[in-house]
């Protein structure tokens, strides 16, 4: 059975898409730690990020960098943090999280409760700031 992320990539499950390349896909986390919290996933379904073929691994991190640069332009933050956990969904993914402090990257923190319109606005703002062509 396809992971929820594979179903998002295929369009079967809706998301707030930020960017897409031929090998990677970025979308807003629907349970964000901070405004702009984005997930970047490879299009190939594999559970462990570090087992990805080199080209897919590089594509993921190229998109991670582009998303982080966009976040710095549109989200008030001091840094952008990354986390690779992979416990909740068996599909490799990188959390790209705008941070004001280290405490913002604590997954035990309460998640933001945002309205759909807020997600749509943030996705559009990030898309506009991205320097990577989206397919």
Protein backbone atom coordinates (compact mmCIF):
# COMPACT_ATOMS: atom_id res chain seq x y z
CA UNK A 1 0.00 0.00 0.00
CA UNK A 2 1.30 3.44 -0.94
CA UNK A 3 2.34 5.76 1.88
CA UNK A 4 0.31 8.89 2.55
CA UNK A 5 3.18 10.87 1.00
CA UNK A 6 3.07 8.82 -2.22
CA UNK A 7 -0.67 9.44 -2.33
CA UNK A 8 -0.05 13.18 -1.87
CA UNK A 9 2.56 13.20 -4.66
CA UNK A 10 0.16 11.38 -7.01
CA UNK A 11 -2.61 13.89 -6.25
CA UNK A 12 -4.85 11.27 -4.65
CA UNK A 13 -4.67 13.12 -1.32
CA UNK A 14 -4.77 16.94 -1.33
CA UNK A 15 -1.96 19.03 0.12
CA UNK A 16 -0.67 22.58 0.31
CA UNK A 17 2.03 22.19 -2.33
CA UNK A 18 5.09 24.40 -2.12
CA UNK A 19 7.26 22.99 -4.93
CA UNK A 20 7.90 19.98 -7.10
CA UNK A 21 10.86 18.81 -9.16
CA UNK A 22 11.29 15.64 -11.18
CA UNK A 23 12.58 13.77 -8.08
CA UNK A 24 11.30 15.67 -5.02
CA UNK A 25 8.11 17.22 -3.66
CA UNK A 26 7.58 19.88 -0.97
CA UNK A 27 4.34 20.61 0.88
CA UNK A 28 3.25 22.27 4.10
CA UNK A 29 3.02 20.09 7.20
CA UNK A 30 -0.64 20.11 8.28
CA UNK A 31 0.46 19.82 11.92
CA UNK A 32 3.15 22.53 11.86
CA UNK A 33 5.54 23.42 14.63
CA UNK A 34 5.86 26.95 13.23
CA UNK A 35 4.41 28.95 10.34
CA UNK A 36 5.89 27.69 7.08
CA UNK A 37 6.89 24.22 8.40
CA UNK A 38 7.40 22.25 5.19
CA UNK A 39 8.04 18.60 4.39
CA UNK A 40 10.36 17.69 1.53
CA UNK A 41 10.07 14.11 0.29
CA UNK A 42 11.59 12.09 -2.52
CA UNK A 43 9.14 10.95 -5.18
CA UNK A 44 10.51 7.43 -4.88
CA UNK A 45 8.95 5.71 -1.89
CA UNK A 46 11.67 4.54 0.47
CA UNK A 47 11.54 4.47 4.26
CA UNK A 48 15.08 5.58 5.13
CA UNK A 49 16.40 8.86 3.72
CA UNK A 50 19.97 7.60 3.83
CA UNK A 51 19.13 4.61 1.63
CA UNK A 52 18.01 6.80 -1.27
CA UNK A 53 19.92 6.55 -4.54
CA UNK A 54 22.40 9.43 -4.74
CA UNK A 55 20.46 11.38 -7.40
CA UNK A 56 17.25 11.29 -5.33
CA UNK A 57 19.09 12.19 -2.13
CA UNK A 58 20.70 15.18 -3.85
CA UNK A 59 17.37 16.25 -5.34
CA UNK A 60 15.73 16.20 -1.91
CA UNK A 61 18.44 18.36 -0.38
CA UNK A 62 18.51 20.74 -3.35
CA UNK A 63 14.80 21.30 -2.74
CA UNK A 64 15.34 21.53 1.04
CA UNK A 65 17.83 24.36 0.43
CA UNK A 66 15.46 26.18 -1.93
CA UNK A 67 12.56 25.87 0.53
CA UNK A 68 14.74 27.10 3.42
CA UNK A 69 15.83 30.14 1.40
CA UNK A 70 12.19 30.91 0.59
CA UNK A 71 11.20 30.49 4.24
CA UNK A 72 13.85 33.01 5.29
CA UNK A 73 12.31 35.54 2.90
CA UNK A 74 8.67 35.14 3.92
CA UNK A 75 8.61 33.88 7.52
CA UNK A 76 10.03 35.89 10.42
CA UNK A 77 12.76 33.58 11.73
CA UNK A 78 16.36 33.57 12.94
CA UNK A 79 17.29 30.26 11.31
CA UNK A 80 15.79 27.34 9.49
CA UNK A 81 16.11 23.96 11.20
CA UNK A 82 15.95 20.48 9.74
CA UNK A 83 14.81 17.22 11.23
CA UNK A 84 14.83 13.72 9.81
CA UNK A 85 12.77 11.42 12.02
CA UNK A 86 10.68 9.11 9.91
CA UNK A 87 8.72 7.42 12.68
CA UNK A 88 5.27 8.72 11.76
CA UNK A 89 5.26 7.94 7.99
CA UNK A 90 7.34 5.17 6.36
CA UNK A 91 8.45 7.43 3.49
CA UNK A 92 11.71 9.37 3.74
CA UNK A 93 11.12 13.05 4.52
CA UNK A 94 12.85 16.14 5.84
CA UNK A 95 11.10 18.64 8.10
CA UNK A 96 12.18 22.18 7.11
CA UNK A 97 11.15 24.44 9.99
CA UNK A 98 11.57 28.22 10.36
CA UNK A 99 12.95 28.87 13.85
CA UNK A 100 13.10 31.76 16.25
CA UNK A 101 14.76 29.57 18.90
CA UNK A 102 15.89 25.98 19.44
CA UNK A 103 12.66 25.32 21.33
CA UNK A 104 10.71 25.70 18.07
CA UNK A 105 12.11 22.37 16.81
CA UNK A 106 10.68 20.34 19.69
CA UNK A 107 8.11 17.89 18.29
CA UNK A 108 6.55 17.60 21.76
CA UNK A 109 5.38 21.22 21.44
CA UNK A 110 1.70 21.80 20.70
CA UNK A 111 1.13 22.03 16.94
CA UNK A 112 -0.25 25.19 15.40
CA UNK A 113 -3.95 25.12 14.60
CA UNK A 114 -4.28 26.96 11.29
CA UNK A 115 -7.24 27.63 9.03
CA UNK A 116 -7.14 26.34 5.44
CA UNK A 117 -6.83 29.92 4.20
CA UNK A 118 -3.64 30.37 6.25
CA UNK A 119 -2.11 27.27 4.67
CA UNK A 120 -3.07 28.45 1.18
CA UNK A 121 -1.58 31.90 1.80
CA UNK A 122 1.67 30.46 3.17
CA UNK A 123 2.01 27.99 0.29
CA UNK A 124 1.57 30.85 -2.20
CA UNK A 125 4.08 33.05 -0.38
CA UNK A 126 6.67 30.27 -0.36
CA UNK A 127 5.99 29.41 -4.01
CA UNK A 128 6.52 33.05 -4.97
CA UNK A 129 9.84 33.20 -3.13
CA UNK A 130 11.24 29.92 -4.46
CA UNK A 131 14.16 30.06 -6.83
CA UNK A 132 13.57 26.52 -8.10
CA UNK A 133 11.33 25.82 -11.08
CA UNK A 134 8.27 23.83 -10.08
CA UNK A 135 6.88 21.24 -12.48
